[in-house]
Protein backbone atom coordinates (compact mmCIF):
# COMPACT_ATOMS: atom_id res chain seq x y z
CA MET A 1 172.87 166.52 -106.66
CA THR A 2 175.31 164.47 -104.57
CA ALA A 3 178.46 162.71 -105.68
CA SER A 4 176.53 159.47 -105.68
CA GLY A 5 174.64 160.81 -108.66
CA GLY A 6 171.24 161.10 -107.00
CA PRO A 7 169.36 163.71 -105.02
CA ALA A 8 170.65 165.16 -101.79
CA GLY A 9 170.98 162.41 -99.17
CA SER A 10 171.78 159.65 -101.68
CA ALA A 11 173.59 156.60 -100.32
CA LEU A 12 177.19 155.66 -101.04
CA PRO A 13 177.79 151.94 -101.65
CA VAL A 14 181.11 150.80 -100.19
CA LEU A 15 182.14 147.32 -101.33
CA MET A 16 184.20 145.03 -99.08
CA TYR A 17 186.51 142.48 -100.71
CA HIS A 18 189.11 140.19 -99.20
CA SER A 19 190.84 137.74 -101.55
CA ILE A 20 190.72 137.67 -105.35
CA SER A 21 190.87 133.91 -105.65
CA SER A 22 188.59 130.88 -105.94
CA ILE A 23 187.39 128.73 -103.06
CA ASP A 24 184.78 126.10 -103.83
CA HIS A 25 183.55 125.41 -100.30
CA GLY A 26 184.18 126.08 -96.63
CA PRO A 27 183.66 129.02 -94.25
CA LEU A 28 185.80 131.44 -96.28
CA ARG A 29 184.03 130.89 -99.58
CA SER A 30 182.01 134.13 -99.31
CA LEU A 31 185.22 136.13 -98.86
CA ALA A 32 186.78 134.94 -102.12
CA VAL A 33 185.93 136.38 -105.54
CA SER A 34 187.68 134.92 -108.57
CA ALA A 35 189.62 137.19 -110.90
CA THR A 36 187.13 136.44 -113.68
CA ARG A 37 184.16 137.36 -111.52
CA PHE A 38 185.90 140.47 -110.16
CA ALA A 39 186.60 141.65 -113.70
CA GLU A 40 182.93 141.10 -114.53
CA GLN A 41 181.86 143.14 -111.49
CA LEU A 42 184.21 146.02 -112.36
CA SER A 43 182.96 146.00 -115.94
CA ALA A 44 179.34 146.09 -114.77
CA LEU A 45 180.02 149.08 -112.53
CA ASP A 46 181.88 150.87 -115.31
CA ASP A 47 179.13 150.18 -117.87
CA ALA A 48 176.55 151.50 -115.39
CA GLY A 49 178.47 154.76 -115.12
CA TYR A 50 179.91 154.35 -111.64
CA ARG A 51 183.12 156.09 -110.68
CA MET A 52 185.17 153.59 -108.66
CA VAL A 53 187.40 155.13 -105.97
CA GLY A 54 188.89 154.43 -102.55
CA LEU A 55 187.02 155.23 -99.35
CA SER A 56 188.76 158.47 -98.34
CA GLU A 57 188.38 159.84 -101.86
CA ALA A 58 184.70 158.92 -101.93
CA LEU A 59 184.05 160.68 -98.63
CA ASP A 60 185.98 163.74 -99.79
CA LEU A 61 183.91 163.88 -102.96
CA LEU A 62 180.70 163.62 -100.95
CA ASP A 63 181.85 166.51 -98.76
CA ALA A 64 182.83 168.62 -101.77
CA THR A 65 179.54 168.00 -103.53
CA ALA A 66 177.55 168.87 -100.41
CA VAL A 67 178.85 172.46 -100.59
CA ASP A 68 178.74 172.72 -104.39
CA ARG A 69 175.67 174.76 -105.37
CA SER A 70 176.28 174.58 -109.12
CA ASN A 71 174.00 171.53 -109.65
CA ARG A 72 176.54 170.09 -112.06
CA PRO A 73 175.83 166.43 -112.86
CA CYS A 74 178.10 164.03 -111.01
CA PRO A 75 178.77 160.40 -111.84
CA PRO A 76 177.53 157.93 -109.24
CA LEU A 77 180.23 156.80 -106.83
CA VAL A 78 181.13 153.41 -105.46
CA ALA A 79 184.01 152.89 -103.03
CA LEU A 80 186.11 149.73 -103.30
CA THR A 81 187.86 148.35 -100.21
CA PHE A 82 190.02 145.28 -99.59
CA ASP A 83 190.65 143.83 -96.14
CA ASP A 84 193.72 142.05 -94.73
CA GLY A 85 196.24 142.63 -97.55
CA TYR A 86 196.58 139.25 -99.26
CA ALA A 87 199.40 138.86 -101.76
CA ASP A 88 196.86 138.11 -104.50
CA PHE A 89 195.84 141.77 -104.36
CA ARG A 90 199.06 142.71 -106.16
CA THR A 91 198.93 139.91 -108.72
CA ALA A 92 195.18 139.61 -109.36
CA ALA A 93 193.23 142.64 -108.12
CA LEU A 94 195.60 145.49 -108.95
CA PRO A 95 195.97 144.72 -112.69
CA LEU A 96 192.18 144.58 -113.02
CA LEU A 97 191.74 147.84 -111.13
CA GLU A 98 194.30 149.52 -113.36
CA ALA A 99 192.64 148.16 -116.51
CA ALA A 100 189.26 149.49 -115.35
CA GLY A 101 190.65 152.88 -114.34
CA ALA A 102 189.45 152.15 -110.81
CA ARG A 103 190.94 153.03 -107.45
CA ALA A 104 190.53 151.31 -104.09
CA THR A 105 191.55 151.32 -100.43
CA LEU A 106 193.61 148.41 -99.11
CA TYR A 107 193.68 147.62 -95.38
CA PRO A 108 196.68 145.41 -94.49
CA SER A 109 197.00 143.71 -91.12
CA VAL A 110 200.31 145.37 -90.34
CA GLY A 111 201.81 142.94 -87.85
CA HIS A 112 201.21 139.97 -90.18
CA LEU A 113 202.73 141.37 -93.38
CA GLY A 114 204.74 138.71 -95.22
CA GLN A 115 203.14 135.97 -93.12
CA ALA A 116 200.07 133.76 -93.14
CA PRO A 117 196.85 135.25 -91.70
CA ALA A 118 197.14 133.58 -88.30
CA TRP A 119 193.71 134.77 -87.14
CA LEU A 120 192.10 132.38 -89.65
CA GLY A 121 193.34 129.41 -87.65
CA ARG A 122 193.18 126.12 -89.54
CA TRP A 123 192.00 127.97 -92.64
CA ALA A 124 195.06 130.25 -92.73
CA ASP A 125 196.38 128.68 -95.93
CA GLU A 126 193.17 129.18 -97.93
CA PHE A 127 194.08 132.66 -99.21
CA GLY A 128 197.85 132.35 -99.11
CA PRO A 129 200.21 134.83 -97.40
CA LEU A 130 199.82 138.54 -96.95
CA LEU A 131 201.83 141.06 -98.92
CA ASP A 132 205.28 141.79 -97.55
CA TRP A 133 206.52 145.34 -97.02
CA ALA A 134 208.21 145.59 -100.42
CA GLN A 135 205.08 144.37 -102.20
CA LEU A 136 202.89 146.75 -100.20
CA ALA A 137 205.14 149.64 -101.21
CA GLU A 138 204.81 148.58 -104.86
CA VAL A 139 201.02 148.61 -104.53
CA ALA A 140 201.09 152.04 -102.90
CA GLU A 141 203.28 153.41 -105.67
CA SER A 142 200.83 152.29 -108.36
CA GLY A 143 198.74 155.41 -107.82
CA HIS A 144 195.52 153.39 -107.82
CA VAL A 145 195.45 152.32 -104.18
CA GLU A 146 195.04 154.16 -100.89
CA ILE A 147 196.71 152.27 -98.05
CA GLY A 148 194.63 152.26 -94.89
CA SER A 149 195.22 150.40 -91.63
CA HIS A 150 193.64 147.17 -90.41
CA GLY A 151 195.34 147.40 -87.03
CA LEU A 152 198.38 145.50 -85.84
CA LEU A 153 197.40 141.89 -85.16
CA HIS A 154 193.78 141.59 -86.32
CA HIS A 155 192.42 141.46 -82.79
CA PRO A 156 188.76 142.34 -82.16
CA LEU A 157 189.51 145.70 -80.58
CA ASP A 158 186.26 146.20 -78.67
CA VAL A 159 187.05 143.38 -76.22
CA LEU A 160 190.67 144.36 -75.56
CA PRO A 161 191.70 146.52 -72.59
CA PRO A 162 191.45 150.16 -73.78
CA GLN A 163 195.19 150.89 -73.76
CA TRP A 164 196.01 147.65 -75.57
CA ALA A 165 193.48 148.48 -78.27
CA ALA A 166 194.81 152.04 -78.59
CA ASP A 167 198.38 150.75 -78.94
CA GLU A 168 197.37 148.33 -81.71
CA ILE A 169 195.76 151.19 -83.62
CA THR A 170 198.59 153.70 -83.12
CA VAL A 171 201.52 151.34 -83.73
CA ALA A 172 199.98 150.03 -86.95
CA ARG A 173 199.45 153.55 -88.33
CA ASP A 174 202.95 154.66 -87.32
CA ARG A 175 204.57 151.67 -89.03
CA LEU A 176 202.64 152.23 -92.23
CA GLU A 177 203.54 155.91 -92.39
CA GLN A 178 207.19 155.24 -91.61
CA HIS A 179 207.51 152.56 -94.31
CA LEU A 180 205.37 154.21 -97.00
CA GLY A 181 206.06 157.88 -96.31
CA SER A 182 202.47 159.05 -96.67
CA PRO A 183 199.58 159.79 -94.29
CA VAL A 184 197.22 156.94 -93.39
CA ARG A 185 193.75 158.41 -93.15
CA SER A 186 191.49 155.38 -93.17
CA PHE A 187 191.05 152.54 -90.69
CA CYS A 188 189.21 149.23 -90.95
CA TYR A 189 188.06 147.53 -87.74
CA PRO A 190 189.36 143.93 -87.50
CA HIS A 191 186.39 141.55 -87.68
CA GLY A 192 184.24 144.69 -88.02
CA TYR A 193 183.92 145.16 -84.25
CA HIS A 194 184.11 148.54 -82.51
CA ASP A 195 182.54 150.64 -79.77
CA TRP A 196 182.81 154.28 -78.75
CA ARG A 197 186.16 153.72 -77.01
CA VAL A 198 187.66 152.11 -80.10
CA ARG A 199 186.31 154.83 -82.39
CA ALA A 200 187.77 157.50 -80.09
CA ALA A 201 191.16 155.75 -80.19
CA VAL A 202 191.01 155.60 -83.99
CA ARG A 203 190.38 159.35 -84.14
CA ARG A 204 193.15 160.12 -81.63
CA ALA A 205 195.60 158.08 -83.69
CA GLY A 206 195.01 160.45 -86.62
CA HIS A 207 192.48 158.64 -88.81
CA ASP A 208 189.59 160.70 -90.18
CA ASN A 209 187.45 157.79 -91.40
CA ALA A 210 186.94 154.13 -90.60
CA CYS A 211 184.80 151.29 -91.87
CA GLU A 212 182.93 148.37 -90.41
CA VAL A 213 180.90 145.59 -92.06
CA GLY A 214 177.40 146.99 -91.58
CA ARG A 215 175.83 145.42 -94.70
CA ARG A 216 174.14 148.62 -95.78
CA ARG A 217 175.08 151.76 -97.71
CA TYR A 218 176.63 154.86 -96.18
CA ARG A 219 174.49 157.99 -96.13
CA PRO A 220 175.72 161.56 -95.69
CA GLY A 221 175.36 162.34 -92.02
CA ASP A 222 176.30 158.83 -90.90
CA ARG A 223 179.35 158.44 -88.68
CA ARG A 224 182.59 158.71 -90.68
CA LEU A 225 184.25 156.43 -88.14
CA ALA A 226 181.70 153.67 -88.74
CA VAL A 227 181.16 153.57 -92.50
CA PRO A 228 179.10 150.48 -93.38
CA ARG A 229 180.01 148.25 -96.29
CA LEU A 230 178.42 145.68 -98.58
CA LEU A 231 179.89 142.22 -99.26
CA PRO A 232 180.05 141.13 -102.90
CA THR A 233 180.74 137.41 -103.23
CA GLY A 234 181.70 135.13 -106.06
CA ASP A 235 178.01 134.45 -106.56
CA HIS A 236 177.30 138.06 -107.55
CA ASP A 237 177.20 138.23 -111.32
CA ALA A 238 176.89 141.61 -113.05
CA ALA A 239 173.15 141.95 -112.47
CA ALA A 240 173.31 140.85 -108.83
CA LEU A 241 176.23 143.16 -108.10
CA LEU A 242 174.41 146.17 -109.53
CA ASP A 243 171.30 145.29 -107.53
CA LEU A 244 173.41 145.12 -104.34
CA VAL A 245 174.97 148.51 -105.08
CA ARG A 246 171.67 150.18 -105.93
CA THR A 247 169.55 148.76 -103.10
CA GLY A 248 172.00 147.86 -100.35
CA GLY A 249 170.67 144.31 -100.15
CA PRO A 250 168.22 142.92 -97.56
CA ARG A 251 167.38 145.46 -94.87
CA MET A 252 166.62 143.08 -92.01
CA ILE A 253 170.16 141.68 -91.79
CA PRO A 254 171.97 144.88 -90.71
CA GLN A 255 169.17 145.82 -88.31
CA ALA A 256 169.24 142.41 -86.62
CA LYS A 257 173.02 142.51 -86.30
CA ARG A 258 172.98 145.95 -84.70
CA LEU A 259 170.42 144.82 -82.12
CA ALA A 260 172.50 141.75 -81.26
CA GLN A 261 175.82 143.61 -80.87
CA PRO A 262 175.78 144.34 -77.09
CA ALA A 263 175.05 140.73 -76.10
CA TRP A 264 177.52 139.35 -78.62
CA ARG A 265 180.25 141.73 -77.40
CA LEU A 266 179.72 140.53 -73.83
CA THR A 267 179.94 136.91 -75.00
CA ARG A 268 183.20 137.58 -76.84
CA ARG A 269 184.68 139.47 -73.88
CA VAL A 270 183.94 136.57 -71.51
CA ALA A 271 185.29 134.08 -74.04
CA ARG A 272 188.52 136.03 -74.36
CA ARG A 273 189.01 136.12 -70.59
CA THR A 274 188.47 132.37 -70.33
CA GLY A 275 190.80 131.54 -73.21
CA ARG A 276 188.17 130.56 -75.77
CA GLN A 277 188.50 131.95 -79.29
CA LEU A 278 185.44 133.64 -80.75
CA THR A 279 185.53 136.06 -83.68
């Protein structure tokens, strides 16, 4: 029995959230989940018996269960993650996590703390500002949230020169550890993009796990530096959210995206060199 509650080899669903807010339309709508809907999703997971934890804790539990021969029943696991570090995490998400007895991993964009998310361009005001350092420390001290790293300036690291990318990874982790006084184990790739060079830099910086988008569930034996995640939206009611967690959603989408990655990376690298902005 694995920590996901099923037979050996069971998948771990890792959920990827951004802002706990409401957006009625526009390109960021799928990244916003209202507080009411988020509470409904947490309640559905709790009622279904899921244990809600951060990513590093979930991976540790999977490892521990893999060597546990006692066959003791384990509750199914789901990992909760939040990208970017919007200020609404402290005011909207954290109280709901605490009420549900849930834990999560938060990945702030370190160089933008206390500012607007500049990488969103003309939509930078949609989610409001990011947490500042004092607010991030308050979140960390809650005991419900692991603080991971989302890099320094939310650049797509796989198209940066290798040393530039490595510096963004290392500086972000160093700043977090200096301000918060605790190790930063987990990393989240900005925009979800990475390659072997970026993964190697993440490991060298001291991270032991990292997550991408992926749109599928993580399985024991998958790369710990490329943990895939699922995207709940504001359209996922309780039943739809549980179906996403249990099945991983449509299978063709992640496969098609993986096949398209090399060509898309080349397109983004050329665009960056010519001054065009593609994410």
